[in-house]
Amino acid sequence: MWISSSEFEKLVGEALDGLPARFAEAVENVSVTIEDEPSAEDLEAVGLDPRQDTLFGLYQGVALPERGLGYTSLPDRIVVYRLPVLEACDSREQIVEEVRVTVRHELGHYFGLDEDELPP
């Protein structure tokens, strides 16, 4: 399935707009970006094998529960990888759902949830 970069960007925006209000209001200083694919370094940083694994999104930053008083830093970053999502999906509906799930998953890391604590 294929959609344009601008349409994919719109879907990411819609996923952010669709967050429950209590979570959306709690998100501060986070940049959400879109890249075509993760680098080998990004995959290795999360323990994935670049030759066989894929990644739909990545959170880079310090999770809220780990921040001390007076914490200041550059914005945290969430990256959604467009090509792996498109390659994994057979329909526009699947793409919409995967983008929504990926954005929520990465925001879960921002809120301090580990992989085993995140909903599927």
PDB file of N, CA and C in Angstrom:
ATOM      1  N   MET A   1       0.851  -1.179   0.000  1.00  0.00           N
ATOM      2  CA  MET A   1       0.000   0.000   0.000  1.00  0.00           C
ATOM      3  C   MET A   1       0.896   1.240   0.000  1.00  0.00           C
ATOM      4  N   TRP A   2       0.485   2.265  -0.701  1.00  0.00           N
ATOM      5  CA  TRP A   2       1.302   3.467  -0.801  1.00  0.00           C
ATOM      6  C   TRP A   2       0.440   4.706  -0.602  1.00  0.00           C
ATOM      7  N   ILE A   3       0.937   5.647   0.192  1.00  0.00           N
ATOM      8  CA  ILE A   3       0.342   6.977   0.298  1.00  0.00           C
ATOM      9  C   ILE A   3       1.485   7.988   0.272  1.00  0.00           C
ATOM     10  N   SER A   4       1.178   9.204  -0.062  1.00  0.00           N
ATOM     11  CA  SER A   4       2.211  10.232  -0.182  1.00  0.00           C
ATOM     12  C   SER A   4       2.760  10.630   1.186  1.00  0.00           C
ATOM     13  N   SER A   5       3.905  11.271   1.152  1.00  0.00           N
ATOM     14  CA  SER A   5       4.519  11.776   2.386  1.00  0.00           C
ATOM     15  C   SER A   5       3.605  12.768   3.091  1.00  0.00           C
ATOM     16  N   SER A   6       2.957  13.634   2.314  1.00  0.00           N
ATOM     17  CA  SER A   6       2.082  14.642   2.930  1.00  0.00           C
ATOM     18  C   SER A   6       0.846  13.991   3.554  1.00  0.00           C
ATOM     19  N   GLU A   7       0.315  12.960   2.918  1.00  0.00           N
ATOM     20  CA  GLU A   7      -0.832  12.249   3.494  1.00  0.00           C
ATOM     21  C   GLU A   7      -0.415  11.510   4.770  1.00  0.00           C
ATOM     22  N   PHE A   8       0.774  10.926   4.760  1.00  0.00           N
ATOM     23  CA  PHE A   8       1.268  10.236   5.951  1.00  0.00           C
ATOM     24  C   PHE A   8       1.431  11.231   7.097  1.00  0.00           C
ATOM     25  N   GLU A   9       1.978  12.393   6.788  1.00  0.00           N
ATOM     26  CA  GLU A   9       2.139  13.441   7.797  1.00  0.00           C
ATOM     27  C   GLU A   9       0.772  13.831   8.383  1.00  0.00           C
ATOM     28  N   LYS A  10      -0.216  13.929   7.535  1.00  0.00           N
ATOM     29  CA  LYS A  10      -1.571  14.244   7.985  1.00  0.00           C
ATOM     30  C   LYS A  10      -2.094  13.165   8.932  1.00  0.00           C
ATOM     31  N   LEU A  11      -1.821  11.899   8.633  1.00  0.00           N
ATOM     32  CA  LEU A  11      -2.269  10.804   9.502  1.00  0.00           C
ATOM     33  C   LEU A  11      -1.596  10.861  10.874  1.00  0.00           C
ATOM     34  N   VAL A  12      -0.325  11.222  10.895  1.00  0.00           N
ATOM     35  CA  VAL A  12       0.373  11.376  12.180  1.00  0.00           C
ATOM     36  C   VAL A  12      -0.270  12.508  12.977  1.00  0.00           C
ATOM     37  N   GLY A  13      -0.568  13.612  12.310  1.00  0.00           N
ATOM     38  CA  GLY A  13      -1.248  14.729  12.978  1.00  0.00           C
ATOM     39  C   GLY A  13      -2.603  14.324  13.522  1.00  0.00           C
ATOM     40  N   GLU A  14      -3.347  13.548  12.761  1.00  0.00           N
ATOM     41  CA  GLU A  14      -4.655  13.079  13.220  1.00  0.00           C
ATOM     42  C   GLU A  14      -4.515  12.144  14.420  1.00  0.00           C
ATOM     43  N   ALA A  15      -3.474  11.322  14.421  1.00  0.00           N
ATOM     44  CA  ALA A  15      -3.239  10.434  15.571  1.00  0.00           C
ATOM     45  C   ALA A  15      -2.950  11.258  16.824  1.00  0.00           C
ATOM     46  N   LEU A  16      -2.185  12.332  16.675  1.00  0.00           N
ATOM     47  CA  LEU A  16      -1.905  13.206  17.817  1.00  0.00           C
ATOM     48  C   LEU A  16      -3.166  13.938  18.267  1.00  0.00           C
ATOM     49  N   ASP A  17      -3.945  14.415  17.310  1.00  0.00           N
ATOM     50  CA  ASP A  17      -5.192  15.114  17.634  1.00  0.00           C
ATOM     51  C   ASP A  17      -6.198  14.188  18.305  1.00  0.00           C
ATOM     52  N   GLY A  18      -6.104  12.893  18.045  1.00  0.00           N
ATOM     53  CA  GLY A  18      -7.040  11.932  18.599  1.00  0.00           C
ATOM     54  C   GLY A  18      -6.673  11.402  19.970  1.00  0.00           C
ATOM     55  N   LEU A  19      -5.599  11.916  20.550  1.00  0.00           N
ATOM     56  CA  LEU A  19      -5.217  11.469  21.895  1.00  0.00           C
ATOM     57  C   LEU A  19      -6.271  11.897  22.913  1.00  0.00           C
ATOM     58  N   PRO A  20      -6.495  11.072  23.924  1.00  0.00           N
ATOM     59  CA  PRO A  20      -7.383  11.514  25.001  1.00  0.00           C
ATOM     60  C   PRO A  20      -6.850  12.822  25.603  1.00  0.00           C
ATOM     61  N   ALA A  21      -7.758  13.717  25.953  1.00  0.00           N
ATOM     62  CA  ALA A  21      -7.384  15.054  26.419  1.00  0.00           C
ATOM     63  C   ALA A  21      -6.395  15.015  27.575  1.00  0.00           C
ATOM     64  N   ARG A  22      -6.580  14.125  28.523  1.00  0.00           N
ATOM     65  CA  ARG A  22      -5.690  14.108  29.699  1.00  0.00           C
ATOM     66  C   ARG A  22      -4.246  13.780  29.325  1.00  0.00           C
ATOM     67  N   PHE A  23      -4.057  13.004  28.257  1.00  0.00           N
ATOM     68  CA  PHE A  23      -2.702  12.705  27.810  1.00  0.00           C
ATOM     69  C   PHE A  23      -2.162  13.828  26.931  1.00  0.00           C
ATOM     70  N   ALA A  24      -2.975  14.323  26.025  1.00  0.00           N
ATOM     71  CA  ALA A  24      -2.535  15.397  25.141  1.00  0.00           C
ATOM     72  C   ALA A  24      -2.104  16.619  25.938  1.00  0.00           C
ATOM     73  N   GLU A  25      -2.831  16.937  26.997  1.00  0.00           N
ATOM     74  CA  GLU A  25      -2.500  18.103  27.822  1.00  0.00           C
ATOM     75  C   GLU A  25      -1.208  17.904  28.610  1.00  0.00           C
ATOM     76  N   ALA A  26      -0.822  16.654  28.846  1.00  0.00           N
ATOM     77  CA  ALA A  26       0.371  16.370  29.643  1.00  0.00           C
ATOM     78  C   ALA A  26       1.647  16.309  28.803  1.00  0.00           C
ATOM     79  N   VAL A  27       1.514  16.303  27.497  1.00  0.00           N
ATOM     80  CA  VAL A  27       2.679  16.221  26.622  1.00  0.00           C
ATOM     81  C   VAL A  27       3.262  17.613  26.434  1.00  0.00           C
ATOM     82  N   GLU A  28       4.525  17.756  26.825  1.00  0.00           N
ATOM     83  CA  GLU A  28       5.223  19.028  26.694  1.00  0.00           C
ATOM     84  C   GLU A  28       6.619  18.788  26.150  1.00  0.00           C
ATOM     85  N   ASN A  29       7.065  19.707  25.312  1.00  0.00           N
ATOM     86  CA  ASN A  29       8.433  19.708  24.831  1.00  0.00           C
ATOM     87  C   ASN A  29       8.797  18.404  24.109  1.00  0.00           C
ATOM     88  N   VAL A  30       7.889  17.959  23.221  1.00  0.00           N
ATOM     89  CA  VAL A  30       8.117  16.754  22.429  1.00  0.00           C
ATOM     90  C   VAL A  30       7.948  17.100  20.954  1.00  0.00           C
ATOM     91  N   SER A  31       8.939  16.763  20.174  1.00  0.00           N
ATOM     92  CA  SER A  31       8.892  16.953  18.737  1.00  0.00           C
ATOM     93  C   SER A  31       8.521  15.621  18.088  1.00  0.00           C
ATOM     94  N   VAL A  32       7.496  15.627  17.257  1.00  0.00           N
ATOM     95  CA  VAL A  32       7.108  14.421  16.526  1.00  0.00           C
ATOM     96  C   VAL A  32       7.496  14.630  15.076  1.00  0.00           C
ATOM     97  N   THR A  33       8.352  13.743  14.563  1.00  0.00           N
ATOM     98  CA  THR A  33       8.844  13.857  13.205  1.00  0.00           C
ATOM     99  C   THR A  33       8.572  12.567  12.434  1.00  0.00           C
ATOM    100  N   ILE A  34       8.716  12.671  11.141  1.00  0.00           N
ATOM    101  CA  ILE A  34       8.535  11.519  10.259  1.00  0.00           C
ATOM    102  C   ILE A  34       9.813  11.364   9.457  1.00  0.00           C
ATOM    103  N   GLU A  35      10.315  10.142   9.417  1.00  0.00           N
ATOM    104  CA  GLU A  35      11.460   9.813   8.576  1.00  0.00           C
ATOM    105  C   GLU A  35      11.075   8.600   7.744  1.00  0.00           C
ATOM    106  N   ASP A  36      11.767   8.409   6.633  1.00  0.00           N
ATOM    107  CA  ASP A  36      11.440   7.272   5.784  1.00  0.00           C
ATOM    108  C   ASP A  36      11.753   5.940   6.460  1.00  0.00           C
ATOM    109  N   GLU A  37      12.955   5.799   6.998  1.00  0.00           N
ATOM    110  CA  GLU A  37      13.368   4.530   7.590  1.00  0.00           C
ATOM    111  C   GLU A  37      14.291   4.772   8.781  1.00  0.00           C
ATOM    112  N   PRO A  38      14.317   3.825   9.709  1.00  0.00           N
ATOM    113  CA  PRO A  38      15.287   3.944  10.802  1.00  0.00           C
ATOM    114  C   PRO A  38      16.689   3.613  10.294  1.00  0.00           C
ATOM    115  N   SER A  39      17.659   4.236  10.910  1.00  0.00           N
ATOM    116  CA  SER A  39      19.052   3.912  10.585  1.00  0.00           C
ATOM    117  C   SER A  39      19.437   2.613  11.292  1.00  0.00           C
ATOM    118  N   ALA A  40      20.529   2.034  10.854  1.00  0.00           N
ATOM    119  CA  ALA A  40      21.037   0.832  11.528  1.00  0.00           C
ATOM    120  C   ALA A  40      21.339   1.149  12.990  1.00  0.00           C
ATOM    121  N   GLU A  41      21.815   2.351  13.261  1.00  0.00           N
ATOM    122  CA  GLU A  41      22.116   2.756  14.634  1.00  0.00           C
ATOM    123  C   GLU A  41      20.846   2.842  15.481  1.00  0.00           C
ATOM    124  N   ASP A  42      19.761   3.361  14.885  1.00  0.00           N
ATOM    125  CA  ASP A  42      18.492   3.426  15.615  1.00  0.00           C
ATOM    126  C   ASP A  42      18.010   2.028  15.981  1.00  0.00           C
ATOM    127  N   LEU A  43      18.092   1.099  15.033  1.00  0.00           N
ATOM    128  CA  LEU A  43      17.670  -0.277  15.295  1.00  0.00           C
ATOM    129  C   LEU A  43      18.521  -0.912  16.385  1.00  0.00           C
ATOM    130  N   GLU A  44      19.826  -0.757  16.278  1.00  0.00           N
ATOM    131  CA  GLU A  44      20.729  -1.337  17.268  1.00  0.00           C
ATOM    132  C   GLU A  44      20.530  -0.721  18.651  1.00  0.00           C
ATOM    133  N   ALA A  45      20.188   0.571  18.702  1.00  0.00           N
ATOM    134  CA  ALA A  45      19.983   1.251  19.991  1.00  0.00           C
ATOM    135  C   ALA A  45      18.834   0.646  20.774  1.00  0.00           C
ATOM    136  N   VAL A  46      17.874   0.051  20.074  1.00  0.00           N
ATOM    137  CA  VAL A  46      16.740  -0.578  20.765  1.00  0.00           C
ATOM    138  C   VAL A  46      16.826  -2.099  20.725  1.00  0.00           C
ATOM    139  N   GLY A  47      18.007  -2.612  20.377  1.00  0.00           N
ATOM    140  CA  GLY A  47      18.237  -4.050  20.433  1.00  0.00           C
ATOM    141  C   GLY A  47      17.682  -4.837  19.262  1.00  0.00           C
ATOM    142  N   LEU A  48      17.500  -4.184  18.117  1.00  0.00           N
ATOM    143  CA  LEU A  48      16.995  -4.887  16.935  1.00  0.00           C
ATOM    144  C   LEU A  48      18.122  -5.122  15.950  1.00  0.00           C
ATOM    145  N   ASP A  49      18.020  -6.180  15.190  1.00  0.00           N
ATOM    146  CA  ASP A  49      19.007  -6.528  14.177  1.00  0.00           C
ATOM    147  C   ASP A  49      18.658  -5.816  12.875  1.00  0.00           C
ATOM    148  N   PRO A  50      19.517  -4.919  12.383  1.00  0.00           N
ATOM    149  CA  PRO A  50      19.206  -4.169  11.167  1.00  0.00           C
ATOM    150  C   PRO A  50      18.997  -5.048   9.935  1.00  0.00           C
ATOM    151  N   ARG A  51      19.497  -6.274   9.959  1.00  0.00           N
ATOM    152  CA  ARG A  51      19.349  -7.156   8.791  1.00  0.00           C
ATOM    153  C   ARG A  51      17.987  -7.830   8.737  1.00  0.00           C
ATOM    154  N   GLN A  52      17.299  -7.919   9.884  1.00  0.00           N
ATOM    155  CA  GLN A  52      16.046  -8.673   9.862  1.00  0.00           C
ATOM    156  C   GLN A  52      14.889  -8.015  10.604  1.00  0.00           C
ATOM    157  N   ASP A  53      15.146  -7.009  11.396  1.00  0.00           N
ATOM    158  CA  ASP A  53      14.080  -6.386  12.176  1.00  0.00           C
ATOM    159  C   ASP A  53      13.670  -5.051  11.569  1.00  0.00           C
ATOM    160  N   THR A  54      12.490  -4.633  11.940  1.00  0.00           N
ATOM    161  CA  THR A  54      11.988  -3.339  11.477  1.00  0.00           C
ATOM    162  C   THR A  54      11.468  -2.561  12.673  1.00  0.00           C
ATOM    163  N   LEU A  55      11.264  -1.290  12.466  1.00  0.00           N
ATOM    164  CA  LEU A  55      10.844  -0.403  13.537  1.00  0.00           C
ATOM    165  C   LEU A  55       9.869   0.612  12.951  1.00  0.00           C
ATOM    166  N   PHE A  56       8.725   0.769  13.594  1.00  0.00           N
ATOM    167  CA  PHE A  56       7.726   1.724  13.129  1.00  0.00           C
ATOM    168  C   PHE A  56       7.892   3.091  13.772  1.00  0.00           C
ATOM    169  N   GLY A  57       8.445   3.131  14.983  1.00  0.00           N
ATOM    170  CA  GLY A  57       8.602   4.393  15.677  1.00  0.00           C
ATOM    171  C   GLY A  57       9.669   4.301  16.740  1.00  0.00           C
ATOM    172  N   LEU A  58      10.113   5.462  17.211  1.00  0.00           N
ATOM    173  CA  LEU A  58      11.177   5.513  18.210  1.00  0.00           C
ATOM    174  C   LEU A  58      10.989   6.742  19.088  1.00  0.00           C
ATOM    175  N   TYR A  59      11.131   6.546  20.394  1.00  0.00           N
ATOM    176  CA  TYR A  59      11.126   7.654  21.347  1.00  0.00           C
ATOM    177  C   TYR A  59      12.561   7.917  21.765  1.00  0.00           C
ATOM    178  N   GLN A  60      12.983   9.162  21.687  1.00  0.00           N
ATOM    179  CA  GLN A  60      14.317   9.562  22.114  1.00  0.00           C
ATOM    180  C   GLN A  60      14.164  10.692  23.118  1.00  0.00           C
ATOM    181  N   GLY A  61      14.582  10.442  24.336  1.00  0.00           N
ATOM    182  CA  GLY A  61      14.481  11.463  25.366  1.00  0.00           C
ATOM    183  C   GLY A  61      14.548  10.853  26.748  1.00  0.00           C
ATOM    184  N   VAL A  62      14.175  11.635  27.724  1.00  0.00           N
ATOM    185  CA  VAL A  62      14.135  11.198  29.114  1.00  0.00           C
ATOM    186  C   VAL A  62      12.668  11.131  29.523  1.00  0.00           C
ATOM    187  N   ALA A  63      12.227   9.942  29.884  1.00  0.00           N
ATOM    188  CA  ALA A  63      10.824   9.744  30.264  1.00  0.00           C
ATOM    189  C   ALA A  63      10.464  10.622  31.463  1.00  0.00           C
ATOM    190  N   LEU A  64       9.214  11.055  31.504  1.00  0.00           N
ATOM    191  CA  LEU A  64       8.765  11.959  32.569  1.00  0.00           C
ATOM    192  C   LEU A  64       9.113  11.474  33.975  1.00  0.00           C
ATOM    193  N   PRO A  65       8.886  10.203  34.323  1.00  0.00           N
ATOM    194  CA  PRO A  65       9.191   9.783  35.694  1.00  0.00           C
ATOM    195  C   PRO A  65      10.677   9.823  36.053  1.00  0.00           C
ATOM    196  N   GLU A  66      11.535   9.883  35.060  1.00  0.00           N
ATOM    197  CA  GLU A  66      12.976   9.884  35.308  1.00  0.00           C
ATOM    198  C   GLU A  66      13.565  11.287  35.427  1.00  0.00           C
ATOM    199  N   ARG A  67      12.749  12.289  35.252  1.00  0.00           N
ATOM    200  CA  ARG A  67      13.234  13.665  35.294  1.00  0.00           C
ATOM    201  C   ARG A  67      13.256  14.183  36.727  1.00  0.00           C
ATOM    202  N   GLY A  68      14.323  14.866  37.053  1.00  0.00           N
ATOM    203  CA  GLY A  68      14.433  15.461  38.371  1.00  0.00           C
ATOM    204  C   GLY A  68      13.920  16.887  38.386  1.00  0.00           C
ATOM    205  N   LEU A  69      13.938  17.483  39.563  1.00  0.00           N
ATOM    206  CA  LEU A  69      13.542  18.886  39.683  1.00  0.00           C
ATOM    207  C   LEU A  69      14.483  19.746  38.863  1.00  0.00           C
ATOM    208  N   GLY A  70      13.943  20.722  38.235  1.00  0.00           N
ATOM    209  CA  GLY A  70      14.756  21.636  37.436  1.00  0.00           C
ATOM    210  C   GLY A  70      15.247  21.041  36.131  1.00  0.00           C
ATOM    211  N   TYR A  71      14.653  19.929  35.706  1.00  0.00           N
ATOM    212  CA  TYR A  71      15.058  19.290  34.461  1.00  0.00           C
ATOM    213  C   TYR A  71      14.865  20.244  33.288  1.00  0.00           C
ATOM    214  N   THR A  72      15.888  20.422  32.504  1.00  0.00           N
ATOM    215  CA  THR A  72      15.785  21.179  31.262  1.00  0.00           C
ATOM    216  C   THR A  72      16.583  20.440  30.207  1.00  0.00           C
ATOM    217  N   SER A  73      16.080  20.462  29.004  1.00  0.00           N
ATOM    218  CA  SER A  73      16.752  19.768  27.921  1.00  0.00           C
ATOM    219  C   SER A  73      16.142  20.203  26.602  1.00  0.00           C
ATOM    220  N   LEU A  74      16.771  19.779  25.534  1.00  0.00           N
ATOM    221  CA  LEU A  74      16.173  19.941  24.226  1.00  0.00           C
ATOM    222  C   LEU A  74      14.883  19.132  24.201  1.00  0.00           C
ATOM    223  N   PRO A  75      14.010  19.390  23.258  1.00  0.00           N
ATOM    224  CA  PRO A  75      12.770  18.597  23.208  1.00  0.00           C
ATOM    225  C   PRO A  75      13.045  17.110  23.036  1.00  0.00           C
ATOM    226  N   ASP A  76      12.213  16.299  23.687  1.00  0.00           N
ATOM    227  CA  ASP A  76      12.237  14.875  23.413  1.00  0.00           C
ATOM    228  C   ASP A  76      11.778  14.712  21.974  1.00  0.00           C
ATOM    229  N   ARG A  77      12.018  13.544  21.434  1.00  0.00           N
ATOM    230  CA  ARG A  77      11.713  13.340  20.014  1.00  0.00           C
ATOM    231  C   ARG A  77      11.016  12.003  19.817  1.00  0.00           C
ATOM    232  N   ILE A  78       9.947  12.027  19.065  1.00  0.00           N
ATOM    233  CA  ILE A  78       9.292  10.807  18.612  1.00  0.00           C
ATOM    234  C   ILE A  78       9.403  10.797  17.097  1.00  0.00           C
ATOM    235  N   VAL A  79       9.893   9.682  16.574  1.00  0.00           N
ATOM    236  CA  VAL A  79      10.016   9.525  15.128  1.00  0.00           C
ATOM    237  C   VAL A  79       9.068   8.417  14.695  1.00  0.00           C
ATOM    238  N   VAL A  80       8.304   8.682  13.656  1.00  0.00           N
ATOM    239  CA  VAL A  80       7.470   7.662  13.030  1.00  0.00           C
ATOM    240  C   VAL A  80       8.112   7.367  11.679  1.00  0.00           C
ATOM    241  N   TYR A  81       8.394   6.088  11.427  1.00  0.00           N
ATOM    242  CA  TYR A  81       9.074   5.683  10.201  1.00  0.00           C
ATOM    243  C   TYR A  81       8.051   5.273   9.147  1.00  0.00           C
ATOM    244  N   ARG A  82       7.992   6.040   8.098  1.00  0.00           N
ATOM    245  CA  ARG A  82       6.953   5.912   7.079  1.00  0.00           C
ATOM    246  C   ARG A  82       7.036   4.617   6.270  1.00  0.00           C
ATOM    247  N   LEU A  83       8.191   4.295   5.715  1.00  0.00           N
ATOM    248  CA  LEU A  83       8.286   3.146   4.816  1.00  0.00           C
ATOM    249  C   LEU A  83       7.998   1.808   5.503  1.00  0.00           C
ATOM    250  N   PRO A  84       8.510   1.555   6.706  1.00  0.00           N
ATOM    251  CA  PRO A  84       8.143   0.296   7.354  1.00  0.00           C
ATOM    252  C   PRO A  84       6.633   0.156   7.597  1.00  0.00           C
ATOM    253  N   VAL A  85       5.983   1.264   7.939  1.00  0.00           N
ATOM    254  CA  VAL A  85       4.532   1.216   8.139  1.00  0.00           C
ATOM    255  C   VAL A  85       3.838   0.886   6.820  1.00  0.00           C
ATOM    256  N   LEU A  86       4.223   1.575   5.763  1.00  0.00           N
ATOM    257  CA  LEU A  86       3.593   1.333   4.463  1.00  0.00           C
ATOM    258  C   LEU A  86       3.830  -0.093   3.980  1.00  0.00           C
ATOM    259  N   GLU A  87       5.036  -0.602   4.194  1.00  0.00           N
ATOM    260  CA  GLU A  87       5.359  -1.961   3.749  1.00  0.00           C
ATOM    261  C   GLU A  87       4.582  -3.020   4.523  1.00  0.00           C
ATOM    262  N   ALA A  88       4.226  -2.740   5.768  1.00  0.00           N
ATOM    263  CA  ALA A  88       3.541  -3.721   6.610  1.00  0.00           C
ATOM    264  C   ALA A  88       2.029  -3.725   6.414  1.00  0.00           C
ATOM    265  N   CYS A  89       1.500  -2.707   5.751  1.00  0.00           N
ATOM    266  CA  CYS A  89       0.048  -2.543   5.661  1.00  0.00           C
ATOM    267  C   CYS A  89      -0.459  -2.779   4.243  1.00  0.00           C
ATOM    268  N   ASP A  90      -1.650  -3.375   4.168  1.00  0.00           N
ATOM    269  CA  ASP A  90      -2.268  -3.692   2.884  1.00  0.00           C
ATOM    270  C   ASP A  90      -3.393  -2.738   2.494  1.00  0.00           C
ATOM    271  N   SER A  91      -3.783  -1.860   3.400  1.00  0.00           N
ATOM    272  CA  SER A  91      -4.888  -0.949   3.102  1.00  0.00           C
ATOM    273  C   SER A  91      -4.665   0.376   3.822  1.00  0.00           C
ATOM    274  N   ARG A  92      -5.384   1.380   3.379  1.00  0.00           N
ATOM    275  CA  ARG A  92      -5.305   2.685   4.036  1.00  0.00           C
ATOM    276  C   ARG A  92      -5.773   2.572   5.482  1.00  0.00           C
ATOM    277  N   GLU A  93      -6.795   1.775   5.717  1.00  0.00           N
ATOM    278  CA  GLU A  93      -7.308   1.593   7.085  1.00  0.00           C
ATOM    279  C   GLU A  93      -6.235   1.001   7.998  1.00  0.00           C
ATOM    280  N   GLN A  94      -5.468   0.049   7.485  1.00  0.00           N
ATOM    281  CA  GLN A  94      -4.381  -0.531   8.283  1.00  0.00           C
ATOM    282  C   GLN A  94      -3.296   0.506   8.566  1.00  0.00           C
ATOM    283  N   ILE A  95      -2.997   1.338   7.587  1.00  0.00           N
ATOM    284  CA  ILE A  95      -1.997   2.392   7.786  1.00  0.00           C
ATOM    285  C   ILE A  95      -2.466   3.353   8.875  1.00  0.00           C
ATOM    286  N   VAL A  96      -3.719   3.788   8.792  1.00  0.00           N
ATOM    287  CA  VAL A  96      -4.277   4.702   9.793  1.00  0.00           C
ATOM    288  C   VAL A  96      -4.149   4.092  11.178  1.00  0.00           C
ATOM    289  N   GLU A  97      -4.511   2.825  11.315  1.00  0.00           N
ATOM    290  CA  GLU A  97      -4.449   2.161  12.621  1.00  0.00           C
ATOM    291  C   GLU A  97      -3.011   2.004  13.097  1.00  0.00           C
ATOM    292  N   GLU A  98      -2.103   1.623  12.219  1.00  0.00           N
ATOM    293  CA  GLU A  98      -0.705   1.437  12.623  1.00  0.00           C
ATOM    294  C   GLU A  98      -0.075   2.762  13.039  1.00  0.00           C
ATOM    295  N   VAL A  99      -0.382   3.831  12.342  1.00  0.00           N
ATOM    296  CA  VAL A  99       0.128   5.146  12.734  1.00  0.00           C
ATOM    297  C   VAL A  99      -0.415   5.512  14.110  1.00  0.00           C
ATOM    298  N   ARG A 100      -1.701   5.300  14.345  1.00  0.00           N
ATOM    299  CA  ARG A 100      -2.305   5.606  15.644  1.00  0.00           C
ATOM    300  C   ARG A 100      -1.634   4.789  16.752  1.00  0.00           C
ATOM    301  N   VAL A 101      -1.459   3.504  16.515  1.00  0.00           N
ATOM    302  CA  VAL A 101      -0.840   2.629  17.511  1.00  0.00           C
ATOM    303  C   VAL A 101       0.610   3.040  17.758  1.00  0.00           C
ATOM    304  N   THR A 102       1.343   3.356  16.704  1.00  0.00           N
ATOM    305  CA  THR A 102       2.755   3.739  16.845  1.00  0.00           C
ATOM    306  C   THR A 102       2.900   5.033  17.627  1.00  0.00           C
ATOM    307  N   VAL A 103       2.097   6.032  17.305  1.00  0.00           N
ATOM    308  CA  VAL A 103       2.176   7.308  18.029  1.00  0.00           C
ATOM    309  C   VAL A 103       1.869   7.084  19.505  1.00  0.00           C
ATOM    310  N   ARG A 104       0.831   6.345  19.816  1.00  0.00           N
ATOM    311  CA  ARG A 104       0.477   6.084  21.220  1.00  0.00           C
ATOM    312  C   ARG A 104       1.550   5.261  21.925  1.00  0.00           C
ATOM    313  N   HIS A 105       2.123   4.306  21.210  1.00  0.00           N
ATOM    314  CA  HIS A 105       3.188   3.474  21.784  1.00  0.00           C
ATOM    315  C   HIS A 105       4.388   4.331  22.182  1.00  0.00           C
ATOM    316  N   GLU A 106       4.820   5.174  21.277  1.00  0.00           N
ATOM    317  CA  GLU A 106       5.993   6.013  21.568  1.00  0.00           C
ATOM    318  C   GLU A 106       5.688   7.031  22.652  1.00  0.00           C
ATOM    319  N   LEU A 107       4.493   7.572  22.687  1.00  0.00           N
ATOM    320  CA  LEU A 107       4.117   8.464  23.781  1.00  0.00           C
ATOM    321  C   LEU A 107       4.066   7.710  25.110  1.00  0.00           C
ATOM    322  N   GLY A 108       3.746   6.436  25.063  1.00  0.00           N
ATOM    323  CA  GLY A 108       3.805   5.620  26.277  1.00  0.00           C
ATOM    324  C   GLY A 108       5.204   5.617  26.865  1.00  0.00           C
ATOM    325  N   HIS A 109       6.219   5.537  26.007  1.00  0.00           N
ATOM    326  CA  HIS A 109       7.604   5.618  26.490  1.00  0.00           C
ATOM    327  C   HIS A 109       7.882   6.986  27.112  1.00  0.00           C
ATOM    328  N   TYR A 110       7.375   8.032  26.505  1.00  0.00           N
ATOM    329  CA  TYR A 110       7.520   9.381  27.049  1.00  0.00           C
ATOM    330  C   TYR A 110       6.955   9.443  28.474  1.00  0.00           C
ATOM    331  N   PHE A 111       5.829   8.766  28.691  1.00  0.00           N
ATOM    332  CA  PHE A 111       5.212   8.745  30.015  1.00  0.00           C
ATOM    333  C   PHE A 111       5.856   7.738  30.957  1.00  0.00           C
ATOM    334  N   GLY A 112       6.884   7.038  30.490  1.00  0.00           N
ATOM    335  CA  GLY A 112       7.650   6.161  31.362  1.00  0.00           C
ATOM    336  C   GLY A 112       7.287   4.698  31.327  1.00  0.00           C
ATOM    337  N   LEU A 113       6.478   4.280  30.384  1.00  0.00           N
ATOM    338  CA  LEU A 113       6.096   2.871  30.299  1.00  0.00           C
ATOM    339  C   LEU A 113       7.160   2.076  29.560  1.00  0.00           C
ATOM    340  N   ASP A 114       7.454   0.878  30.063  1.00  0.00           N
ATOM    341  CA  ASP A 114       8.379  -0.038  29.394  1.00  0.00           C
ATOM    342  C   ASP A 114       7.619  -0.834  28.348  1.00  0.00           C
ATOM    343  N   GLU A 115       8.351  -1.518  27.487  1.00  0.00           N
ATOM    344  CA  GLU A 115       7.726  -2.312  26.423  1.00  0.00           C
ATOM    345  C   GLU A 115       6.660  -3.267  26.955  1.00  0.00           C
ATOM    346  N   ASP A 116       6.960  -3.942  28.062  1.00  0.00           N
ATOM    347  CA  ASP A 116       6.010  -4.930  28.579  1.00  0.00           C
ATOM    348  C   ASP A 116       4.791  -4.290  29.261  1.00  0.00           C
ATOM    349  N   GLU A 117       4.813  -2.985  29.481  1.00  0.00           N
ATOM    350  CA  GLU A 117       3.695  -2.282  30.091  1.00  0.00           C
ATOM    351  C   GLU A 117       2.774  -1.619  29.057  1.00  0.00           C
ATOM    352  N   LEU A 118       3.269  -1.543  27.825  1.00  0.00           N
ATOM    353  CA  LEU A 118       2.501  -0.857  26.780  1.00  0.00           C
ATOM    354  C   LEU A 118       1.418  -1.772  26.227  1.00  0.00           C
ATOM    355  N   PRO A 119       0.270  -1.201  25.909  1.00  0.00           N
ATOM    356  CA  PRO A 119      -0.773  -2.023  25.290  1.00  0.00           C
ATOM    357  C   PRO A 119      -0.324  -2.453  23.897  1.00  0.00           C
ATOM    358  N   PRO A 120      -0.848  -3.583  23.401  1.00  0.00           N
ATOM    359  CA  PRO A 120      -0.436  -4.065  22.060  1.00  0.00           C
ATOM    360  C   PRO A 120      -0.912  -3.129  20.964  1.00  0.00           C
TER     361      PRO A 120
END
